[in-house]
Amino acid sequence: MFYHRKRLQYFTPPTNPDPVYAKKLQELVGGSLGEMTVMMQYLFQGWNCRGPAKYRDLLLDTGTEEIGHVEMLATMIAHLLDKAPVKYQEDGAKDPVVGAVMGGTNLRDVITAAMNPQHTIVSGGGALPADSVGFPWNGRFIVASGNLLADFRSNLHAESQGLMQAVRLYEMTDDPGVKDTLSFMIARDTMHQNQWLAAIEDLKSEGFEETVVPNVAYEYGKSEFAYQFWNNSEGNDSAEGRWAKGRSIDGKGEFEYVANPQPLGPEPNPPQPDLKLHGTAQTPQTQGNGVGAPSVKVEHIG
């Protein structure tokens, strides 16, 4: 079960309303790498976990914390939207410099145009399960494969990208309350990034690595290609990387740098479509017409 405590995990209210920043902050709520995504990702990974109990607990502990982060952000957005249009209208009227900068345009209209209209029309001054451009949150954003090592690597990616976005948003505001709240979230994202690295290390030390890195070269054939790096661009700068020489990371082979890889298959010759599909196909009549698109023989299918 889940138990909700009425206090937020951490929160400092903003000094001033700012509907434009509220729109930006929606990315941390409902973006593809936002808090709703990691919340659902960790919870579903935990519910699906068949591994040792400590990993299930790790996932559910963190997923539950992320519910609290969504709550914090939703509360912040509500504060940023509170009485914002009216206040900005008043400030614009009092400040002639603002009016001059805006070229005589009503500042309320400018702010309203820059904010998310759904914050007024749909949510009535509250947060939305959507990103900063209004795209609704989607369950397809989450990864829950049932393979802990694959999932933890995905979690590391999500936290790394989410941390970067939080830092960018931190730099986009001067409001001390927003900065203070985001600084807490940045600290927690730092911990989560580190914990997934530690969890990956734990899984490997306990022998679970083979569940996501099978003996590809030996179980599925084509071992001669399993550790080749193919240089598919001009120049050989990529030859300087760790991936181009030495023992492979999984310890099962040696990296090989292929400077000029050649195609191993024939030219494509897809099968001709069924006439009932009314596609453009080669027929005995169109073959040999010379260079260019073949003429199309239209047949009536009775």
C-alpha atoms as a PDB file:
ATOM      1  CA  MET A   1       0.000   0.000   0.000  1.00  0.00           C
ATOM      2  CA  PHE A   2       1.007   3.636  -0.208  1.00  0.00           C
ATOM      3  CA  TYR A   3       0.685   6.099   2.630  1.00  0.00           C
ATOM      4  CA  HIS A   4       0.521   9.842   1.984  1.00  0.00           C
ATOM      5  CA  ARG A   5       1.941  12.283   4.502  1.00  0.00           C
ATOM      6  CA  LYS A   6       0.593  15.812   4.170  1.00  0.00           C
ATOM      7  CA  ARG A   7       4.015  17.466   4.409  1.00  0.00           C
ATOM      8  CA  LEU A   8       6.100  17.908   1.283  1.00  0.00           C
ATOM      9  CA  GLN A   9       9.489  16.223   1.143  1.00  0.00           C
ATOM     10  CA  TYR A  10      11.036  19.674   0.646  1.00  0.00           C
ATOM     11  CA  PHE A  11       9.672  23.009  -0.527  1.00  0.00           C
ATOM     12  CA  THR A  12      10.388  26.723  -0.549  1.00  0.00           C
ATOM     13  CA  PRO A  13       7.669  28.812  -2.220  1.00  0.00           C
ATOM     14  CA  PRO A  14       8.569  31.240  -4.989  1.00  0.00           C
ATOM     15  CA  THR A  15       8.913  34.917  -4.172  1.00  0.00           C
ATOM     16  CA  ASN A  16       6.796  36.025  -7.124  1.00  0.00           C
ATOM     17  CA  PRO A  17       4.345  34.426  -9.534  1.00  0.00           C
ATOM     18  CA  ASP A  18       5.740  33.621 -12.965  1.00  0.00           C
ATOM     19  CA  PRO A  19       3.416  31.851 -15.415  1.00  0.00           C
ATOM     20  CA  VAL A  20       6.076  31.727 -18.120  1.00  0.00           C
ATOM     21  CA  TYR A  21       8.454  29.840 -15.840  1.00  0.00           C
ATOM     22  CA  ALA A  22       5.570  27.601 -14.748  1.00  0.00           C
ATOM     23  CA  LYS A  23       5.267  26.523 -18.375  1.00  0.00           C
ATOM     24  CA  LYS A  24       8.984  25.698 -18.478  1.00  0.00           C
ATOM     25  CA  LEU A  25       8.790  23.789 -15.200  1.00  0.00           C
ATOM     26  CA  GLN A  26       6.204  21.463 -16.719  1.00  0.00           C
ATOM     27  CA  GLU A  27       9.112  19.694 -18.446  1.00  0.00           C
ATOM     28  CA  LEU A  28      10.269  18.345 -15.081  1.00  0.00           C
ATOM     29  CA  VAL A  29       6.744  17.120 -14.369  1.00  0.00           C
ATOM     30  CA  GLY A  30       5.514  15.481 -17.560  1.00  0.00           C
ATOM     31  CA  GLY A  31       8.437  15.494 -19.961  1.00  0.00           C
ATOM     32  CA  SER A  32       9.755  12.264 -21.404  1.00  0.00           C
ATOM     33  CA  LEU A  33      12.535  12.354 -18.796  1.00  0.00           C
ATOM     34  CA  GLY A  34      10.585  14.124 -16.068  1.00  0.00           C
ATOM     35  CA  GLU A  35       9.537  13.049 -12.601  1.00  0.00           C
ATOM     36  CA  MET A  36       6.350  11.313 -13.744  1.00  0.00           C
ATOM     37  CA  THR A  37       8.426   9.110 -16.014  1.00  0.00           C
ATOM     38  CA  VAL A  38      10.969   8.022 -13.421  1.00  0.00           C
ATOM     39  CA  MET A  39       8.187   7.635 -10.836  1.00  0.00           C
ATOM     40  CA  MET A  40       6.285   5.170 -13.010  1.00  0.00           C
ATOM     41  CA  GLN A  41       9.455   3.553 -14.327  1.00  0.00           C
ATOM     42  CA  TYR A  42      10.818   2.688 -10.886  1.00  0.00           C
ATOM     43  CA  LEU A  43       7.449   1.562  -9.545  1.00  0.00           C
ATOM     44  CA  PHE A  44       6.741  -0.780 -12.460  1.00  0.00           C
ATOM     45  CA  GLN A  45      10.286  -2.120 -12.333  1.00  0.00           C
ATOM     46  CA  GLY A  46       9.783  -2.798  -8.635  1.00  0.00           C
ATOM     47  CA  TRP A  47       6.389  -4.435  -9.055  1.00  0.00           C
ATOM     48  CA  ASN A  48       7.843  -6.624 -11.822  1.00  0.00           C
ATOM     49  CA  CYS A  49      11.055  -7.442  -9.942  1.00  0.00           C
ATOM     50  CA  ARG A  50      11.814 -11.159  -9.527  1.00  0.00           C
ATOM     51  CA  GLY A  51      15.343 -10.678  -8.267  1.00  0.00           C
ATOM     52  CA  PRO A  52      16.700 -10.373  -4.725  1.00  0.00           C
ATOM     53  CA  ALA A  53      14.483  -8.427  -2.319  1.00  0.00           C
ATOM     54  CA  LYS A  54      16.988  -5.596  -1.879  1.00  0.00           C
ATOM     55  CA  TYR A  55      16.577  -4.580  -5.526  1.00  0.00           C
ATOM     56  CA  ARG A  56      12.791  -4.585  -5.312  1.00  0.00           C
ATOM     57  CA  ASP A  57      13.023  -2.443  -2.174  1.00  0.00           C
ATOM     58  CA  LEU A  58      15.484  -0.070  -3.858  1.00  0.00           C
ATOM     59  CA  LEU A  59      13.106   0.439  -6.779  1.00  0.00           C
ATOM     60  CA  LEU A  60       9.968   0.917  -4.696  1.00  0.00           C
ATOM     61  CA  ASP A  61      11.732   3.226  -2.227  1.00  0.00           C
ATOM     62  CA  THR A  62      12.927   5.445  -5.062  1.00  0.00           C
ATOM     63  CA  GLY A  63       9.685   5.300  -7.043  1.00  0.00           C
ATOM     64  CA  THR A  64       7.759   6.361  -3.959  1.00  0.00           C
ATOM     65  CA  GLU A  65      10.135   9.286  -3.430  1.00  0.00           C
ATOM     66  CA  GLU A  66       9.510  10.361  -7.017  1.00  0.00           C
ATOM     67  CA  ILE A  67       5.774  10.596  -6.288  1.00  0.00           C
ATOM     68  CA  GLY A  68       6.771  13.199  -3.730  1.00  0.00           C
ATOM     69  CA  HIS A  69       8.841  15.054  -6.323  1.00  0.00           C
ATOM     70  CA  VAL A  70       5.849  15.303  -8.646  1.00  0.00           C
ATOM     71  CA  GLU A  71       3.871  16.687  -5.706  1.00  0.00           C
ATOM     72  CA  MET A  72       6.580  19.290  -5.008  1.00  0.00           C
ATOM     73  CA  LEU A  73       6.660  20.445  -8.624  1.00  0.00           C
ATOM     74  CA  ALA A  74       2.868  20.560  -8.899  1.00  0.00           C
ATOM     75  CA  THR A  75       2.781  22.721  -5.768  1.00  0.00           C
ATOM     76  CA  MET A  76       5.485  25.013  -7.162  1.00  0.00           C
ATOM     77  CA  ILE A  77       3.605  25.424 -10.446  1.00  0.00           C
ATOM     78  CA  ALA A  78       0.408  26.319  -8.546  1.00  0.00           C
ATOM     79  CA  HIS A  79       2.311  29.044  -6.672  1.00  0.00           C
ATOM     80  CA  LEU A  80       3.901  30.355  -9.863  1.00  0.00           C
ATOM     81  CA  LEU A  81       0.476  30.617 -11.494  1.00  0.00           C
ATOM     82  CA  ASP A  82      -1.282  32.198  -8.508  1.00  0.00           C
ATOM     83  CA  LYS A  83      -2.744  35.609  -9.511  1.00  0.00           C
ATOM     84  CA  ALA A  84       0.005  35.923 -12.113  1.00  0.00           C
ATOM     85  CA  PRO A  85      -1.858  37.642 -14.977  1.00  0.00           C
ATOM     86  CA  VAL A  86      -3.322  40.322 -12.702  1.00  0.00           C
ATOM     87  CA  LYS A  87      -0.029  41.057 -11.017  1.00  0.00           C
ATOM     88  CA  TYR A  88       1.850  41.357 -14.281  1.00  0.00           C
ATOM     89  CA  GLN A  89      -0.818  43.697 -15.638  1.00  0.00           C
ATOM     90  CA  GLU A  90      -0.441  45.958 -12.611  1.00  0.00           C
ATOM     91  CA  ASP A  91       3.362  45.924 -12.766  1.00  0.00           C
ATOM     92  CA  GLY A  92       3.306  46.819 -16.454  1.00  0.00           C
ATOM     93  CA  ALA A  93       1.026  49.763 -15.828  1.00  0.00           C
ATOM     94  CA  LYS A  94       3.259  51.094 -13.037  1.00  0.00           C
ATOM     95  CA  ASP A  95       6.547  50.779 -14.914  1.00  0.00           C
ATOM     96  CA  PRO A  96       6.832  53.050 -17.967  1.00  0.00           C
ATOM     97  CA  VAL A  97      10.172  51.463 -18.888  1.00  0.00           C
ATOM     98  CA  VAL A  98       8.476  48.112 -19.286  1.00  0.00           C
ATOM     99  CA  GLY A  99       5.866  49.692 -21.502  1.00  0.00           C
ATOM    100  CA  ALA A 100       8.542  51.271 -23.688  1.00  0.00           C
ATOM    101  CA  VAL A 101      10.476  48.027 -23.985  1.00  0.00           C
ATOM    102  CA  MET A 102       7.328  46.210 -24.982  1.00  0.00           C
ATOM    103  CA  GLY A 103       6.630  48.791 -27.679  1.00  0.00           C
ATOM    104  CA  GLY A 104       3.371  49.875 -26.153  1.00  0.00           C
ATOM    105  CA  THR A 105       2.002  46.341 -26.089  1.00  0.00           C
ATOM    106  CA  ASN A 106      -0.077  45.477 -23.062  1.00  0.00           C
ATOM    107  CA  LEU A 107       2.236  43.457 -20.811  1.00  0.00           C
ATOM    108  CA  ARG A 108      -0.591  41.223 -19.653  1.00  0.00           C
ATOM    109  CA  ASP A 109      -1.193  40.172 -23.246  1.00  0.00           C
ATOM    110  CA  VAL A 110       2.495  39.399 -23.703  1.00  0.00           C
ATOM    111  CA  ILE A 111       2.666  37.279 -20.568  1.00  0.00           C
ATOM    112  CA  THR A 112      -0.551  35.494 -21.426  1.00  0.00           C
ATOM    113  CA  ALA A 113       0.754  34.666 -24.893  1.00  0.00           C
ATOM    114  CA  ALA A 114       3.970  33.219 -23.437  1.00  0.00           C
ATOM    115  CA  MET A 115       2.305  31.093 -20.776  1.00  0.00           C
ATOM    116  CA  ASN A 116       0.557  27.779 -21.288  1.00  0.00           C
ATOM    117  CA  PRO A 117      -3.141  28.583 -21.923  1.00  0.00           C
ATOM    118  CA  GLN A 118      -4.094  25.158 -20.571  1.00  0.00           C
ATOM    119  CA  HIS A 119      -2.897  26.302 -17.147  1.00  0.00           C
ATOM    120  CA  THR A 120      -5.932  28.587 -17.183  1.00  0.00           C
ATOM    121  CA  ILE A 121      -8.387  26.753 -19.419  1.00  0.00           C
ATOM    122  CA  VAL A 122      -7.838  23.136 -18.382  1.00  0.00           C
ATOM    123  CA  SER A 123      -6.269  22.980 -14.944  1.00  0.00           C
ATOM    124  CA  GLY A 124      -7.568  26.234 -13.458  1.00  0.00           C
ATOM    125  CA  GLY A 125      -4.184  27.435 -12.284  1.00  0.00           C
ATOM    126  CA  GLY A 126      -2.641  24.054 -11.511  1.00  0.00           C
ATOM    127  CA  ALA A 127      -0.038  21.715 -12.915  1.00  0.00           C
ATOM    128  CA  LEU A 128      -0.713  19.400 -15.837  1.00  0.00           C
ATOM    129  CA  PRO A 129       0.486  15.864 -16.634  1.00  0.00           C
ATOM    130  CA  ALA A 130       2.253  17.271 -19.694  1.00  0.00           C
ATOM    131  CA  ASP A 131       5.594  18.672 -20.793  1.00  0.00           C
ATOM    132  CA  SER A 132       6.635  22.283 -21.407  1.00  0.00           C
ATOM    133  CA  VAL A 133       5.003  22.452 -24.843  1.00  0.00           C
ATOM    134  CA  GLY A 134       1.769  20.805 -23.717  1.00  0.00           C
ATOM    135  CA  PHE A 135       2.419  17.273 -24.972  1.00  0.00           C
ATOM    136  CA  PRO A 136       0.632  14.878 -22.585  1.00  0.00           C
ATOM    137  CA  TRP A 137       2.674  12.459 -20.500  1.00  0.00           C
ATOM    138  CA  ASN A 138       2.767   9.012 -22.089  1.00  0.00           C
ATOM    139  CA  GLY A 139       3.268   5.599 -20.528  1.00  0.00           C
ATOM    140  CA  ARG A 140       5.509   4.671 -23.454  1.00  0.00           C
ATOM    141  CA  PHE A 141       8.184   6.900 -21.916  1.00  0.00           C
ATOM    142  CA  ILE A 142       8.917   4.295 -19.242  1.00  0.00           C
ATOM    143  CA  VAL A 143      11.199   1.254 -19.399  1.00  0.00           C
ATOM    144  CA  ALA A 144      10.388  -1.803 -17.287  1.00  0.00           C
ATOM    145  CA  SER A 145      11.817  -4.851 -19.033  1.00  0.00           C
ATOM    146  CA  GLY A 146      12.013  -7.344 -16.177  1.00  0.00           C
ATOM    147  CA  ASN A 147      15.805  -7.427 -16.577  1.00  0.00           C
ATOM    148  CA  LEU A 148      17.350  -5.486 -13.718  1.00  0.00           C
ATOM    149  CA  LEU A 149      20.675  -4.722 -15.345  1.00  0.00           C
ATOM    150  CA  ALA A 150      19.022  -3.406 -18.507  1.00  0.00           C
ATOM    151  CA  ASP A 151      16.545  -1.427 -16.383  1.00  0.00           C
ATOM    152  CA  PHE A 152      19.188   0.073 -14.091  1.00  0.00           C
ATOM    153  CA  ARG A 153      21.138   1.279 -17.120  1.00  0.00           C
ATOM    154  CA  SER A 154      17.967   2.944 -18.382  1.00  0.00           C
ATOM    155  CA  ASN A 155      17.451   4.479 -14.924  1.00  0.00           C
ATOM    156  CA  LEU A 156      20.957   5.902 -14.982  1.00  0.00           C
ATOM    157  CA  HIS A 157      20.234   7.505 -18.354  1.00  0.00           C
ATOM    158  CA  ALA A 158      16.938   8.972 -17.113  1.00  0.00           C
ATOM    159  CA  GLU A 159      18.519  10.456 -13.982  1.00  0.00           C
ATOM    160  CA  SER A 160      21.472  11.853 -15.930  1.00  0.00           C
ATOM    161  CA  GLN A 161      19.204  13.611 -18.417  1.00  0.00           C
ATOM    162  CA  GLY A 162      16.727  14.703 -15.744  1.00  0.00           C
ATOM    163  CA  LEU A 163      19.550  16.164 -13.633  1.00  0.00           C
ATOM    164  CA  MET A 164      20.814  18.136 -16.620  1.00  0.00           C
ATOM    165  CA  GLN A 165      17.341  19.553 -17.262  1.00  0.00           C
ATOM    166  CA  ALA A 166      16.896  20.545 -13.612  1.00  0.00           C
ATOM    167  CA  VAL A 167      20.233  22.369 -13.663  1.00  0.00           C
ATOM    168  CA  ARG A 168      19.277  24.208 -16.854  1.00  0.00           C
ATOM    169  CA  LEU A 169      15.983  25.287 -15.297  1.00  0.00           C
ATOM    170  CA  TYR A 170      17.863  26.391 -12.172  1.00  0.00           C
ATOM    171  CA  GLU A 171      19.906  28.729 -14.376  1.00  0.00           C
ATOM    172  CA  MET A 172      16.743  30.139 -16.006  1.00  0.00           C
ATOM    173  CA  THR A 173      15.342  31.747 -12.848  1.00  0.00           C
ATOM    174  CA  ASP A 174      16.411  34.322 -10.284  1.00  0.00           C
ATOM    175  CA  ASP A 175      13.633  33.466  -7.839  1.00  0.00           C
ATOM    176  CA  PRO A 176      15.286  32.326  -4.567  1.00  0.00           C
ATOM    177  CA  GLY A 177      12.418  30.016  -3.633  1.00  0.00           C
ATOM    178  CA  VAL A 178      12.466  28.224  -6.960  1.00  0.00           C
ATOM    179  CA  LYS A 179      16.253  27.954  -6.856  1.00  0.00           C
ATOM    180  CA  ASP A 180      16.198  26.539  -3.344  1.00  0.00           C
ATOM    181  CA  THR A 181      13.609  23.883  -4.221  1.00  0.00           C
ATOM    182  CA  LEU A 182      15.412  22.941  -7.419  1.00  0.00           C
ATOM    183  CA  SER A 183      18.718  22.697  -5.576  1.00  0.00           C
ATOM    184  CA  PHE A 184      17.187  20.011  -3.362  1.00  0.00           C
ATOM    185  CA  MET A 185      15.922  18.113  -6.391  1.00  0.00           C
ATOM    186  CA  ILE A 186      19.331  18.420  -8.057  1.00  0.00           C
ATOM    187  CA  ALA A 187      20.901  16.917  -4.926  1.00  0.00           C
ATOM    188  CA  ARG A 188      18.441  14.012  -4.942  1.00  0.00           C
ATOM    189  CA  ASP A 189      18.988  13.409  -8.673  1.00  0.00           C
ATOM    190  CA  THR A 190      22.713  13.273  -7.946  1.00  0.00           C
ATOM    191  CA  MET A 191      22.098  10.571  -5.358  1.00  0.00           C
ATOM    192  CA  HIS A 192      19.842   8.613  -7.688  1.00  0.00           C
ATOM    193  CA  GLN A 193      22.400   8.768 -10.470  1.00  0.00           C
ATOM    194  CA  ASN A 194      25.012   7.381  -8.109  1.00  0.00           C
ATOM    195  CA  GLN A 195      22.726   4.721  -6.652  1.00  0.00           C
ATOM    196  CA  TRP A 196      21.989   3.217 -10.072  1.00  0.00           C
ATOM    197  CA  LEU A 197      25.705   3.041 -10.771  1.00  0.00           C
ATOM    198  CA  ALA A 198      26.143   1.289  -7.425  1.00  0.00           C
ATOM    199  CA  ALA A 199      23.235  -1.069  -8.142  1.00  0.00           C
ATOM    200  CA  ILE A 200      24.752  -1.993 -11.518  1.00  0.00           C
ATOM    201  CA  GLU A 201      28.008  -2.735  -9.721  1.00  0.00           C
ATOM    202  CA  ASP A 202      26.146  -4.911  -7.207  1.00  0.00           C
ATOM    203  CA  LEU A 203      24.380  -6.886  -9.929  1.00  0.00           C
ATOM    204  CA  LYS A 204      27.642  -7.557 -11.716  1.00  0.00           C
ATOM    205  CA  SER A 205      29.407  -8.637  -8.533  1.00  0.00           C
ATOM    206  CA  GLU A 206      26.571 -11.081  -7.801  1.00  0.00           C
ATOM    207  CA  GLY A 207      26.777 -12.709 -11.224  1.00  0.00           C
ATOM    208  CA  PHE A 208      23.657 -11.221 -12.785  1.00  0.00           C
ATOM    209  CA  GLU A 209      25.483  -9.627 -15.713  1.00  0.00           C
ATOM    210  CA  GLU A 210      24.968 -12.641 -17.960  1.00  0.00           C
ATOM    211  CA  THR A 211      21.212 -12.100 -17.865  1.00  0.00           C
ATOM    212  CA  VAL A 212      21.558  -8.985 -20.041  1.00  0.00           C
ATOM    213  CA  VAL A 213      24.870  -9.681 -21.773  1.00  0.00           C
ATOM    214  CA  PRO A 214      24.542 -13.253 -23.050  1.00  0.00           C
ATOM    215  CA  ASN A 215      27.411 -15.008 -24.755  1.00  0.00           C
ATOM    216  CA  VAL A 216      26.379 -13.451 -28.041  1.00  0.00           C
ATOM    217  CA  ALA A 217      29.480 -14.510 -29.934  1.00  0.00           C
ATOM    218  CA  TYR A 218      29.217 -18.101 -28.798  1.00  0.00           C
ATOM    219  CA  GLU A 219      25.490 -18.777 -28.414  1.00  0.00           C
ATOM    220  CA  TYR A 220      24.202 -17.001 -31.508  1.00  0.00           C
ATOM    221  CA  GLY A 221      27.056 -17.235 -33.973  1.00  0.00           C
ATOM    222  CA  LYS A 222      28.813 -14.511 -35.974  1.00  0.00           C
ATOM    223  CA  SER A 223      31.533 -14.278 -33.344  1.00  0.00           C
ATOM    224  CA  GLU A 224      33.863 -12.626 -35.850  1.00  0.00           C
ATOM    225  CA  PHE A 225      31.683  -9.481 -35.746  1.00  0.00           C
ATOM    226  CA  ALA A 226      30.954  -9.377 -32.012  1.00  0.00           C
ATOM    227  CA  TYR A 227      33.831  -7.046 -31.078  1.00  0.00           C
ATOM    228  CA  GLN A 228      34.546  -5.135 -34.293  1.00  0.00           C
ATOM    229  CA  PHE A 229      34.208  -1.356 -34.354  1.00  0.00           C
ATOM    230  CA  TRP A 230      33.283  -0.272 -37.894  1.00  0.00           C
ATOM    231  CA  ASN A 231      34.494   3.154 -38.977  1.00  0.00           C
ATOM    232  CA  ASN A 232      31.608   4.398 -41.118  1.00  0.00           C
ATOM    233  CA  SER A 233      32.707   7.997 -41.539  1.00  0.00           C
ATOM    234  CA  GLU A 234      35.548   9.999 -43.070  1.00  0.00           C
ATOM    235  CA  GLY A 235      38.783   9.922 -41.093  1.00  0.00           C
ATOM    236  CA  ASN A 236      39.979   7.589 -38.363  1.00  0.00           C
ATOM    237  CA  ASP A 237      39.567   9.694 -35.204  1.00  0.00           C
ATOM    238  CA  SER A 238      37.383   7.011 -33.623  1.00  0.00           C
ATOM    239  CA  ALA A 239      40.385   4.660 -33.673  1.00  0.00           C
ATOM    240  CA  GLU A 240      41.749   6.490 -30.619  1.00  0.00           C
ATOM    241  CA  GLY A 241      38.924   5.328 -28.332  1.00  0.00           C
ATOM    242  CA  ARG A 242      38.869   2.547 -25.761  1.00  0.00           C
ATOM    243  CA  TRP A 243      36.293   0.795 -27.937  1.00  0.00           C
ATOM    244  CA  ALA A 244      38.753   0.313 -30.793  1.00  0.00           C
ATOM    245  CA  LYS A 245      41.473  -1.778 -29.202  1.00  0.00           C
ATOM    246  CA  GLY A 246      42.272  -3.986 -26.255  1.00  0.00           C
ATOM    247  CA  ARG A 247      40.170  -6.387 -24.244  1.00  0.00           C
ATOM    248  CA  SER A 248      36.402  -5.958 -24.633  1.00  0.00           C
ATOM    249  CA  ILE A 249      34.491  -4.581 -21.657  1.00  0.00           C
ATOM    250  CA  ASP A 250      32.685  -7.873 -21.056  1.00  0.00           C
ATOM    251  CA  GLY A 251      36.036  -9.685 -21.050  1.00  0.00           C
ATOM    252  CA  LYS A 252      34.985 -12.138 -23.728  1.00  0.00           C
ATOM    253  CA  GLY A 253      36.930 -10.824 -26.728  1.00  0.00           C
ATOM    254  CA  GLU A 254      39.351  -8.284 -28.188  1.00  0.00           C
ATOM    255  CA  PHE A 255      38.201  -5.059 -29.813  1.00  0.00           C
ATOM    256  CA  GLU A 256      39.155  -4.740 -33.474  1.00  0.00           C
ATOM    257  CA  TYR A 257      39.095  -1.505 -35.489  1.00  0.00           C
ATOM    258  CA  VAL A 258      37.852  -1.932 -39.059  1.00  0.00           C
ATOM    259  CA  ALA A 259      38.923   1.194 -40.933  1.00  0.00           C
ATOM    260  CA  ASN A 260      37.068   0.548 -44.182  1.00  0.00           C
ATOM    261  CA  PRO A 261      34.163  -1.834 -43.611  1.00  0.00           C
ATOM    262  CA  GLN A 262      32.601  -3.317 -46.719  1.00  0.00           C
ATOM    263  CA  PRO A 263      28.996  -4.396 -47.211  1.00  0.00           C
ATOM    264  CA  LEU A 264      28.482  -8.087 -46.609  1.00  0.00           C
ATOM    265  CA  GLY A 265      25.085  -8.510 -48.241  1.00  0.00           C
ATOM    266  CA  PRO A 266      23.757  -8.231 -51.808  1.00  0.00           C
ATOM    267  CA  GLU A 267      21.912  -5.305 -53.348  1.00  0.00           C
ATOM    268  CA  PRO A 268      18.327  -5.233 -52.048  1.00  0.00           C
ATOM    269  CA  ASN A 269      15.792  -6.943 -54.272  1.00  0.00           C
ATOM    270  CA  PRO A 270      12.483  -6.827 -52.407  1.00  0.00           C
ATOM    271  CA  PRO A 271       9.678  -9.103 -53.548  1.00  0.00           C
ATOM    272  CA  GLN A 272       7.084  -7.585 -55.836  1.00  0.00           C
ATOM    273  CA  PRO A 273       3.811  -6.543 -54.196  1.00  0.00           C
ATOM    274  CA  ASP A 274       0.533  -8.292 -54.754  1.00  0.00           C
ATOM    275  CA  LEU A 275      -1.433  -6.604 -57.544  1.00  0.00           C
ATOM    276  CA  LYS A 276      -4.340  -6.131 -55.156  1.00  0.00           C
ATOM    277  CA  LEU A 277      -2.222  -3.643 -53.221  1.00  0.00           C
ATOM    278  CA  HIS A 278      -2.103  -1.345 -56.282  1.00  0.00           C
ATOM    279  CA  GLY A 279       1.570  -0.576 -55.811  1.00  0.00           C
ATOM    280  CA  THR A 280       4.219   0.299 -58.379  1.00  0.00           C
ATOM    281  CA  ALA A 281       5.813  -2.963 -59.433  1.00  0.00           C
ATOM    282  CA  GLN A 282       8.040  -4.341 -62.156  1.00  0.00           C
ATOM    283  CA  THR A 283       6.181  -6.442 -64.715  1.00  0.00           C
ATOM    284  CA  PRO A 284       7.382  -8.113 -67.899  1.00  0.00           C
ATOM    285  CA  GLN A 285       5.986  -5.101 -69.776  1.00  0.00           C
ATOM    286  CA  THR A 286       7.837  -2.473 -67.665  1.00  0.00           C
ATOM    287  CA  GLN A 287      11.191  -4.210 -67.348  1.00  0.00           C
ATOM    288  CA  GLY A 288      13.793  -2.936 -69.790  1.00  0.00           C
ATOM    289  CA  ASN A 289      12.169   0.466 -70.330  1.00  0.00           C
ATOM    290  CA  GLY A 290      15.488   2.106 -69.573  1.00  0.00           C
ATOM    291  CA  VAL A 291      16.612   4.443 -66.823  1.00  0.00           C
ATOM    292  CA  GLY A 292      14.006   6.115 -64.678  1.00  0.00           C
ATOM    293  CA  ALA A 293      10.787   5.127 -62.980  1.00  0.00           C
ATOM    294  CA  PRO A 294       9.069   2.163 -64.598  1.00  0.00           C
ATOM    295  CA  SER A 295       5.782   2.750 -66.310  1.00  0.00           C
ATOM    296  CA  VAL A 296       2.842   1.547 -64.257  1.00  0.00           C
ATOM    297  CA  LYS A 297       0.494  -1.009 -65.651  1.00  0.00           C
ATOM    298  CA  VAL A 298      -2.928  -0.377 -64.166  1.00  0.00           C
ATOM    299  CA  GLU A 299      -5.087  -3.429 -64.004  1.00  0.00           C
ATOM    300  CA  HIS A 300      -8.665  -3.688 -62.880  1.00  0.00           C
ATOM    301  CA  ILE A 301      -9.054  -6.211 -60.100  1.00  0.00           C
ATOM    302  CA  GLY A 302     -12.539  -7.600 -60.377  1.00  0.00           C
END
